[in-house]
Amino acid sequence: MLSITLIGYGKMGRMIQNMAEEHGCRVISVIDPGQPGCAETLAETELGEVCLDFSHPDGVMDNIRQVIAAGKHLVVGTTGWNKYLPEVEALVEKHKTGLLYGANFSIGMNIFSRVVRYATELCDKFPDYDVCGWEIHHNQKADSPSGTAIQLAKTIIGASGVKETPVYEKMDHRIAPDELHFASVRGGKVPGTHNILFDCETDSLELTHRARSRACFASGALQAAQWISLRKGIYTFTEMMEDLLC
């Protein structure tokens, strides 16, 4: 079995631990200074072959630096550190290890993203259709928009000949033709729902991905751990999916 270390022991970390063995992984250590029974720092912990970081944006870069310096592979599900990507790429190259990161580890969401791209390309051929999106998450989610919403907006803009600028905040003006509005709602216990709407005067096409539980993200993260354990370099979850779909 692949030995793994969990960095962050919130709901996602617990789900990964519960599902680890069915994905050929064994959790040998857990790091979370805020949780009883967990190690407080990486320095005091035996690290597995692959570390999975689902912690907090405030500490993720320190975690990345320490794990890579230790020569371990890493899966990063924590967002908010992409501005440091050049530094991380250099560290991964220096220490000859592997790192995989993503905003959403759901296999279904990554399939959904491909459907959204294709639908955008099709509707782009018919100027009557306008596109927008919105996402809904539980009331404990700390950020807005979701990393997945940002990625979906980039997918739409990349496939559209009209949309150029994502707008995530409240609209206080009539939306420009080149603006893509992607709204966010927070409430309840929703694990994550993302909707894309293609609309014209005569009809609408609506695409929806609805996560039923965090199990879909945990399963994808554990598959990512197995995949990156055999590689060196830095990869996105999307690149892993492209490899698996070939």
C-alpha atoms as a PDB file:
ATOM      1  CA  MET A   1       0.000   0.000   0.000  1.00  0.00           C
ATOM      2  CA  LEU A   2       1.033   3.587  -0.627  1.00  0.00           C
ATOM      3  CA  SER A   3       1.879   5.358   2.656  1.00  0.00           C
ATOM      4  CA  ILE A   4       0.344   8.829   2.944  1.00  0.00           C
ATOM      5  CA  THR A   5       0.335  11.776   5.340  1.00  0.00           C
ATOM      6  CA  LEU A   6      -2.679  14.047   5.761  1.00  0.00           C
ATOM      7  CA  ILE A   7      -2.026  17.755   6.294  1.00  0.00           C
ATOM      8  CA  GLY A   8      -5.267  19.190   7.598  1.00  0.00           C
ATOM      9  CA  TYR A   9      -7.787  17.060   9.450  1.00  0.00           C
ATOM     10  CA  GLY A  10     -11.067  18.779   8.771  1.00  0.00           C
ATOM     11  CA  LYS A  11     -14.032  17.160   7.058  1.00  0.00           C
ATOM     12  CA  MET A  12     -12.036  16.485   3.902  1.00  0.00           C
ATOM     13  CA  GLY A  13      -9.077  14.991   5.768  1.00  0.00           C
ATOM     14  CA  ARG A  14     -11.363  12.671   7.718  1.00  0.00           C
ATOM     15  CA  MET A  15     -13.107  11.548   4.550  1.00  0.00           C
ATOM     16  CA  ILE A  16      -9.769  10.776   2.888  1.00  0.00           C
ATOM     17  CA  GLN A  17      -8.699   8.741   5.919  1.00  0.00           C
ATOM     18  CA  ASN A  18     -11.953   6.759   5.893  1.00  0.00           C
ATOM     19  CA  MET A  19     -11.572   5.918   2.194  1.00  0.00           C
ATOM     20  CA  ALA A  20      -7.802   5.440   2.027  1.00  0.00           C
ATOM     21  CA  GLU A  21      -7.575   1.659   2.183  1.00  0.00           C
ATOM     22  CA  GLU A  22     -10.110   1.044  -0.572  1.00  0.00           C
ATOM     23  CA  HIS A  23      -7.833   3.132  -2.809  1.00  0.00           C
ATOM     24  CA  GLY A  24      -4.668   1.241  -1.881  1.00  0.00           C
ATOM     25  CA  CYS A  25      -3.395   3.849   0.585  1.00  0.00           C
ATOM     26  CA  ARG A  26      -2.417   3.718   4.264  1.00  0.00           C
ATOM     27  CA  VAL A  27      -2.453   6.830   6.451  1.00  0.00           C
ATOM     28  CA  ILE A  28       0.662   6.797   8.648  1.00  0.00           C
ATOM     29  CA  SER A  29       0.452  10.334  10.053  1.00  0.00           C
ATOM     30  CA  VAL A  30      -1.907  13.295  10.355  1.00  0.00           C
ATOM     31  CA  ILE A  31      -0.839  16.920  10.892  1.00  0.00           C
ATOM     32  CA  ASP A  32      -3.240  19.542  12.204  1.00  0.00           C
ATOM     33  CA  PRO A  33      -2.338  21.745  15.196  1.00  0.00           C
ATOM     34  CA  GLY A  34      -6.015  22.516  15.763  1.00  0.00           C
ATOM     35  CA  GLN A  35      -7.133  18.907  16.205  1.00  0.00           C
ATOM     36  CA  PRO A  36      -6.610  16.710  19.305  1.00  0.00           C
ATOM     37  CA  GLY A  37      -4.379  13.704  18.717  1.00  0.00           C
ATOM     38  CA  CYS A  38      -2.791  15.099  15.547  1.00  0.00           C
ATOM     39  CA  ALA A  39       0.834  16.160  15.114  1.00  0.00           C
ATOM     40  CA  GLU A  40       1.325  19.923  15.271  1.00  0.00           C
ATOM     41  CA  THR A  41       4.169  20.328  12.745  1.00  0.00           C
ATOM     42  CA  LEU A  42       5.692  18.493   9.808  1.00  0.00           C
ATOM     43  CA  ALA A  43       9.100  18.550  11.501  1.00  0.00           C
ATOM     44  CA  GLU A  44       7.972  16.220  14.288  1.00  0.00           C
ATOM     45  CA  THR A  45       6.221  13.744  11.998  1.00  0.00           C
ATOM     46  CA  GLU A  46       7.134  10.716   9.934  1.00  0.00           C
ATOM     47  CA  LEU A  47       5.965  11.540   6.431  1.00  0.00           C
ATOM     48  CA  GLY A  48       4.441   9.065   4.014  1.00  0.00           C
ATOM     49  CA  GLU A  49       5.487   8.616   0.400  1.00  0.00           C
ATOM     50  CA  VAL A  50       2.819  11.151  -0.569  1.00  0.00           C
ATOM     51  CA  CYS A  51       1.438  14.017   1.528  1.00  0.00           C
ATOM     52  CA  LEU A  52      -2.062  15.361   0.868  1.00  0.00           C
ATOM     53  CA  ASP A  53      -2.645  18.994   1.852  1.00  0.00           C
ATOM     54  CA  PHE A  54      -6.232  20.043   2.477  1.00  0.00           C
ATOM     55  CA  SER A  55      -5.419  22.595   5.155  1.00  0.00           C
ATOM     56  CA  HIS A  56      -5.749  26.401   5.015  1.00  0.00           C
ATOM     57  CA  PRO A  57      -4.472  29.006   2.528  1.00  0.00           C
ATOM     58  CA  ASP A  58      -2.549  30.816   5.286  1.00  0.00           C
ATOM     59  CA  GLY A  59      -0.195  27.890   5.846  1.00  0.00           C
ATOM     60  CA  VAL A  60      -0.159  26.013   2.579  1.00  0.00           C
ATOM     61  CA  MET A  61       3.055  27.522   1.186  1.00  0.00           C
ATOM     62  CA  ASP A  62       5.031  26.615   4.322  1.00  0.00           C
ATOM     63  CA  ASN A  63       3.676  23.075   4.017  1.00  0.00           C
ATOM     64  CA  ILE A  64       4.623  22.856   0.343  1.00  0.00           C
ATOM     65  CA  ARG A  65       8.170  24.081   1.004  1.00  0.00           C
ATOM     66  CA  GLN A  66       8.737  21.608   3.848  1.00  0.00           C
ATOM     67  CA  VAL A  67       7.266  18.577   2.084  1.00  0.00           C
ATOM     68  CA  ILE A  68       9.223  19.185  -1.117  1.00  0.00           C
ATOM     69  CA  ALA A  69      12.447  19.811   0.836  1.00  0.00           C
ATOM     70  CA  ALA A  70      11.890  16.424   2.513  1.00  0.00           C
ATOM     71  CA  GLY A  71      11.818  14.799  -0.926  1.00  0.00           C
ATOM     72  CA  LYS A  72       8.192  13.658  -0.643  1.00  0.00           C
ATOM     73  CA  HIS A  73       5.482  13.748  -3.269  1.00  0.00           C
ATOM     74  CA  LEU A  74       2.568  16.068  -2.636  1.00  0.00           C
ATOM     75  CA  VAL A  75      -1.085  16.482  -3.582  1.00  0.00           C
ATOM     76  CA  VAL A  76      -2.377  20.011  -2.877  1.00  0.00           C
ATOM     77  CA  GLY A  77      -6.108  20.606  -2.641  1.00  0.00           C
ATOM     78  CA  THR A  78      -5.762  23.866  -0.732  1.00  0.00           C
ATOM     79  CA  THR A  79      -6.232  26.923  -2.961  1.00  0.00           C
ATOM     80  CA  GLY A  80      -4.949  30.499  -2.771  1.00  0.00           C
ATOM     81  CA  TRP A  81      -1.224  29.935  -3.435  1.00  0.00           C
ATOM     82  CA  ASN A  82      -1.015  30.056  -7.248  1.00  0.00           C
ATOM     83  CA  LYS A  83       0.918  33.338  -7.256  1.00  0.00           C
ATOM     84  CA  TYR A  84       3.825  31.322  -5.831  1.00  0.00           C
ATOM     85  CA  LEU A  85       3.717  28.787  -8.671  1.00  0.00           C
ATOM     86  CA  PRO A  86       7.120  29.793 -10.162  1.00  0.00           C
ATOM     87  CA  GLU A  87       8.778  29.254  -6.766  1.00  0.00           C
ATOM     88  CA  VAL A  88       7.057  25.880  -6.350  1.00  0.00           C
ATOM     89  CA  GLU A  89       8.077  24.765  -9.839  1.00  0.00           C
ATOM     90  CA  ALA A  90      11.705  25.600  -9.021  1.00  0.00           C
ATOM     91  CA  LEU A  91      11.540  23.695  -5.710  1.00  0.00           C
ATOM     92  CA  VAL A  92      10.025  20.618  -7.346  1.00  0.00           C
ATOM     93  CA  GLU A  93      12.757  20.641  -9.982  1.00  0.00           C
ATOM     94  CA  LYS A  94      15.513  21.139  -7.380  1.00  0.00           C
ATOM     95  CA  HIS A  95      14.384  18.277  -5.131  1.00  0.00           C
ATOM     96  CA  LYS A  96      13.331  15.936  -7.969  1.00  0.00           C
ATOM     97  CA  THR A  97       9.919  15.190  -6.510  1.00  0.00           C
ATOM     98  CA  GLY A  98       6.336  15.374  -7.746  1.00  0.00           C
ATOM     99  CA  LEU A  99       3.460  17.734  -6.971  1.00  0.00           C
ATOM    100  CA  LEU A 100      -0.121  17.624  -8.210  1.00  0.00           C
ATOM    101  CA  TYR A 101      -2.597  20.413  -7.489  1.00  0.00           C
ATOM    102  CA  GLY A 102      -6.173  21.283  -8.333  1.00  0.00           C
ATOM    103  CA  ALA A 103      -9.174  23.347  -7.326  1.00  0.00           C
ATOM    104  CA  ASN A 104     -11.565  20.394  -7.497  1.00  0.00           C
ATOM    105  CA  PHE A 105     -10.681  16.719  -7.177  1.00  0.00           C
ATOM    106  CA  SER A 106     -14.025  15.340  -8.290  1.00  0.00           C
ATOM    107  CA  ILE A 107     -13.688  13.049 -11.308  1.00  0.00           C
ATOM    108  CA  GLY A 108     -17.253  14.024 -12.258  1.00  0.00           C
ATOM    109  CA  MET A 109     -16.448  17.738 -12.121  1.00  0.00           C
ATOM    110  CA  ASN A 110     -13.501  17.280 -14.424  1.00  0.00           C
ATOM    111  CA  ILE A 111     -15.729  15.444 -16.893  1.00  0.00           C
ATOM    112  CA  PHE A 112     -18.277  18.249 -16.421  1.00  0.00           C
ATOM    113  CA  SER A 113     -15.621  20.835 -17.286  1.00  0.00           C
ATOM    114  CA  ARG A 114     -15.046  19.121 -20.624  1.00  0.00           C
ATOM    115  CA  VAL A 115     -18.791  19.114 -21.308  1.00  0.00           C
ATOM    116  CA  VAL A 116     -18.934  22.847 -20.506  1.00  0.00           C
ATOM    117  CA  ARG A 117     -16.064  23.558 -22.885  1.00  0.00           C
ATOM    118  CA  TYR A 118     -17.734  21.637 -25.718  1.00  0.00           C
ATOM    119  CA  ALA A 119     -21.125  23.250 -25.054  1.00  0.00           C
ATOM    120  CA  THR A 120     -19.490  26.697 -25.132  1.00  0.00           C
ATOM    121  CA  GLU A 121     -17.864  25.933 -28.468  1.00  0.00           C
ATOM    122  CA  LEU A 122     -21.223  24.838 -29.898  1.00  0.00           C
ATOM    123  CA  CYS A 123     -23.268  27.756 -28.555  1.00  0.00           C
ATOM    124  CA  ASP A 124     -20.551  30.185 -29.629  1.00  0.00           C
ATOM    125  CA  LYS A 125     -21.546  29.470 -33.214  1.00  0.00           C
ATOM    126  CA  PHE A 126     -25.003  30.915 -32.514  1.00  0.00           C
ATOM    127  CA  PRO A 127     -24.758  34.568 -31.325  1.00  0.00           C
ATOM    128  CA  ASP A 128     -28.238  34.567 -29.761  1.00  0.00           C
ATOM    129  CA  TYR A 129     -26.991  32.463 -26.850  1.00  0.00           C
ATOM    130  CA  ASP A 130     -25.479  34.216 -23.846  1.00  0.00           C
ATOM    131  CA  VAL A 131     -23.704  32.314 -21.070  1.00  0.00           C
ATOM    132  CA  CYS A 132     -23.455  32.825 -17.310  1.00  0.00           C
ATOM    133  CA  GLY A 133     -22.852  30.680 -14.233  1.00  0.00           C
ATOM    134  CA  TRP A 134     -23.407  30.402 -10.497  1.00  0.00           C
ATOM    135  CA  GLU A 135     -22.227  28.188  -7.665  1.00  0.00           C
ATOM    136  CA  ILE A 136     -23.699  27.235  -4.275  1.00  0.00           C
ATOM    137  CA  HIS A 137     -21.716  26.040  -1.244  1.00  0.00           C
ATOM    138  CA  HIS A 138     -22.333  25.405   2.456  1.00  0.00           C
ATOM    139  CA  ASN A 139     -22.315  28.226   4.977  1.00  0.00           C
ATOM    140  CA  GLN A 140     -18.909  27.209   6.401  1.00  0.00           C
ATOM    141  CA  LYS A 141     -16.984  27.798   3.175  1.00  0.00           C
ATOM    142  CA  ALA A 142     -14.418  30.524   3.764  1.00  0.00           C
ATOM    143  CA  ASP A 143     -13.919  31.829   0.221  1.00  0.00           C
ATOM    144  CA  SER A 144     -15.962  33.120  -2.675  1.00  0.00           C
ATOM    145  CA  PRO A 145     -16.009  32.439  -5.569  1.00  0.00           C
ATOM    146  CA  SER A 146     -14.998  28.799  -5.353  1.00  0.00           C
ATOM    147  CA  GLY A 147     -11.791  27.727  -7.033  1.00  0.00           C
ATOM    148  CA  THR A 148     -13.911  25.515  -9.277  1.00  0.00           C
ATOM    149  CA  ALA A 149     -16.040  28.486 -10.360  1.00  0.00           C
ATOM    150  CA  ILE A 150     -12.884  30.352 -11.339  1.00  0.00           C
ATOM    151  CA  GLN A 151     -11.660  27.344 -13.306  1.00  0.00           C
ATOM    152  CA  LEU A 152     -15.022  26.924 -15.068  1.00  0.00           C
ATOM    153  CA  ALA A 153     -15.019  30.620 -15.964  1.00  0.00           C
ATOM    154  CA  LYS A 154     -11.547  30.215 -17.498  1.00  0.00           C
ATOM    155  CA  THR A 155     -12.804  27.198 -19.441  1.00  0.00           C
ATOM    156  CA  ILE A 156     -15.744  29.151 -20.855  1.00  0.00           C
ATOM    157  CA  ILE A 157     -13.619  32.183 -21.753  1.00  0.00           C
ATOM    158  CA  GLY A 158     -11.055  29.935 -23.418  1.00  0.00           C
ATOM    159  CA  ALA A 159     -13.717  28.340 -25.616  1.00  0.00           C
ATOM    160  CA  SER A 160     -15.722  31.497 -26.347  1.00  0.00           C
ATOM    161  CA  GLY A 161     -15.114  34.033 -29.050  1.00  0.00           C
ATOM    162  CA  VAL A 162     -17.146  36.641 -27.125  1.00  0.00           C
ATOM    163  CA  LYS A 163     -16.502  36.331 -23.391  1.00  0.00           C
ATOM    164  CA  GLU A 164     -13.193  37.781 -22.214  1.00  0.00           C
ATOM    165  CA  THR A 165     -13.605  39.032 -18.639  1.00  0.00           C
ATOM    166  CA  PRO A 166     -14.956  37.088 -15.631  1.00  0.00           C
ATOM    167  CA  VAL A 167     -17.058  39.058 -13.136  1.00  0.00           C
ATOM    168  CA  TYR A 168     -17.619  37.429  -9.745  1.00  0.00           C
ATOM    169  CA  GLU A 169     -18.902  40.306  -7.628  1.00  0.00           C
ATOM    170  CA  LYS A 170     -22.384  41.866  -7.511  1.00  0.00           C
ATOM    171  CA  MET A 171     -23.314  43.564 -10.769  1.00  0.00           C
ATOM    172  CA  ASP A 172     -24.021  47.289 -10.457  1.00  0.00           C
ATOM    173  CA  HIS A 173     -24.158  47.902 -14.182  1.00  0.00           C
ATOM    174  CA  ARG A 174     -25.599  46.384 -17.296  1.00  0.00           C
ATOM    175  CA  ILE A 175     -23.303  43.519 -18.176  1.00  0.00           C
ATOM    176  CA  ALA A 176     -21.080  44.068 -21.208  1.00  0.00           C
ATOM    177  CA  PRO A 177     -21.149  41.470 -23.990  1.00  0.00           C
ATOM    178  CA  ASP A 178     -17.565  40.409 -23.250  1.00  0.00           C
ATOM    179  CA  GLU A 179     -18.204  39.963 -19.493  1.00  0.00           C
ATOM    180  CA  LEU A 180     -18.998  36.559 -18.012  1.00  0.00           C
ATOM    181  CA  HIS A 181     -20.972  36.801 -14.784  1.00  0.00           C
ATOM    182  CA  PHE A 182     -20.358  33.916 -12.363  1.00  0.00           C
ATOM    183  CA  ALA A 183     -22.213  34.416  -9.072  1.00  0.00           C
ATOM    184  CA  SER A 184     -21.802  32.740  -5.668  1.00  0.00           C
ATOM    185  CA  VAL A 185     -24.314  31.748  -2.993  1.00  0.00           C
ATOM    186  CA  ARG A 186     -23.483  30.498   0.526  1.00  0.00           C
ATOM    187  CA  GLY A 187     -25.926  28.668   2.785  1.00  0.00           C
ATOM    188  CA  GLY A 188     -26.977  25.409   4.365  1.00  0.00           C
ATOM    189  CA  LYS A 189     -24.899  22.254   4.046  1.00  0.00           C
ATOM    190  CA  VAL A 190     -24.476  22.096   0.255  1.00  0.00           C
ATOM    191  CA  PRO A 191     -21.204  20.236  -0.574  1.00  0.00           C
ATOM    192  CA  GLY A 192     -20.968  22.083  -3.883  1.00  0.00           C
ATOM    193  CA  THR A 193     -23.200  22.804  -6.882  1.00  0.00           C
ATOM    194  CA  HIS A 194     -22.074  24.527 -10.100  1.00  0.00           C
ATOM    195  CA  ASN A 195     -24.451  25.636 -12.844  1.00  0.00           C
ATOM    196  CA  ILE A 196     -23.789  26.921 -16.349  1.00  0.00           C
ATOM    197  CA  LEU A 197     -26.615  28.518 -18.337  1.00  0.00           C
ATOM    198  CA  PHE A 198     -26.722  29.113 -22.100  1.00  0.00           C
ATOM    199  CA  ASP A 199     -29.767  31.265 -22.759  1.00  0.00           C
ATOM    200  CA  CYS A 200     -31.505  32.982 -25.649  1.00  0.00           C
ATOM    201  CA  GLU A 201     -34.989  34.373 -26.255  1.00  0.00           C
ATOM    202  CA  THR A 202     -36.457  31.063 -27.389  1.00  0.00           C
ATOM    203  CA  ASP A 203     -34.876  28.452 -25.105  1.00  0.00           C
ATOM    204  CA  SER A 204     -32.229  27.628 -22.517  1.00  0.00           C
ATOM    205  CA  LEU A 205     -29.585  24.972 -21.995  1.00  0.00           C
ATOM    206  CA  GLU A 206     -28.540  24.385 -18.374  1.00  0.00           C
ATOM    207  CA  LEU A 207     -25.648  22.204 -17.242  1.00  0.00           C
ATOM    208  CA  THR A 208     -25.290  21.257 -13.568  1.00  0.00           C
ATOM    209  CA  HIS A 209     -22.736  19.397 -11.515  1.00  0.00           C
ATOM    210  CA  ARG A 210     -23.948  18.562  -8.027  1.00  0.00           C
ATOM    211  CA  ALA A 211     -21.610  16.976  -5.477  1.00  0.00           C
ATOM    212  CA  ARG A 212     -23.591  14.666  -3.187  1.00  0.00           C
ATOM    213  CA  SER A 213     -20.848  14.405  -0.565  1.00  0.00           C
ATOM    214  CA  ARG A 214     -17.153  15.072  -0.059  1.00  0.00           C
ATOM    215  CA  ALA A 215     -16.546  11.424  -0.942  1.00  0.00           C
ATOM    216  CA  CYS A 216     -16.234  12.389  -4.625  1.00  0.00           C
ATOM    217  CA  PHE A 217     -13.382  14.790  -3.775  1.00  0.00           C
ATOM    218  CA  ALA A 218     -11.670  12.316  -1.435  1.00  0.00           C
ATOM    219  CA  SER A 219     -11.772   9.571  -4.047  1.00  0.00           C
ATOM    220  CA  GLY A 220     -10.184  11.850  -6.636  1.00  0.00           C
ATOM    221  CA  ALA A 221      -7.508  13.006  -4.171  1.00  0.00           C
ATOM    222  CA  LEU A 222      -6.526   9.417  -3.383  1.00  0.00           C
ATOM    223  CA  GLN A 223      -6.350   8.560  -7.080  1.00  0.00           C
ATOM    224  CA  ALA A 224      -4.155  11.645  -7.480  1.00  0.00           C
ATOM    225  CA  ALA A 225      -1.855  10.378  -4.701  1.00  0.00           C
ATOM    226  CA  GLN A 226      -1.371   7.069  -6.510  1.00  0.00           C
ATOM    227  CA  TRP A 227      -0.782   8.836  -9.846  1.00  0.00           C
ATOM    228  CA  ILE A 228       1.777  11.400  -8.610  1.00  0.00           C
ATOM    229  CA  SER A 229       3.688   8.784  -6.585  1.00  0.00           C
ATOM    230  CA  LEU A 230       5.035   7.434  -9.880  1.00  0.00           C
ATOM    231  CA  ARG A 231       6.068  10.792 -11.356  1.00  0.00           C
ATOM    232  CA  LYS A 232       8.383  13.756 -10.921  1.00  0.00           C
ATOM    233  CA  GLY A 233       7.493  17.313 -11.826  1.00  0.00           C
ATOM    234  CA  ILE A 234       4.466  19.531 -11.271  1.00  0.00           C
ATOM    235  CA  TYR A 235       1.039  18.639 -12.667  1.00  0.00           C
ATOM    236  CA  THR A 236      -2.567  19.758 -12.424  1.00  0.00           C
ATOM    237  CA  PHE A 237      -5.467  17.431 -11.691  1.00  0.00           C
ATOM    238  CA  THR A 238      -6.674  18.245 -15.203  1.00  0.00           C
ATOM    239  CA  GLU A 239      -3.436  16.848 -16.649  1.00  0.00           C
ATOM    240  CA  MET A 240      -3.915  13.670 -14.645  1.00  0.00           C
ATOM    241  CA  MET A 241      -7.435  13.353 -16.041  1.00  0.00           C
ATOM    242  CA  GLU A 242      -6.161  13.844 -19.590  1.00  0.00           C
ATOM    243  CA  ASP A 243      -3.666  11.042 -18.986  1.00  0.00           C
ATOM    244  CA  LEU A 244      -6.338   8.701 -17.594  1.00  0.00           C
ATOM    245  CA  LEU A 245      -8.742   9.474 -20.456  1.00  0.00           C
ATOM    246  CA  CYS A 246      -6.204   8.739 -23.190  1.00  0.00           C
END
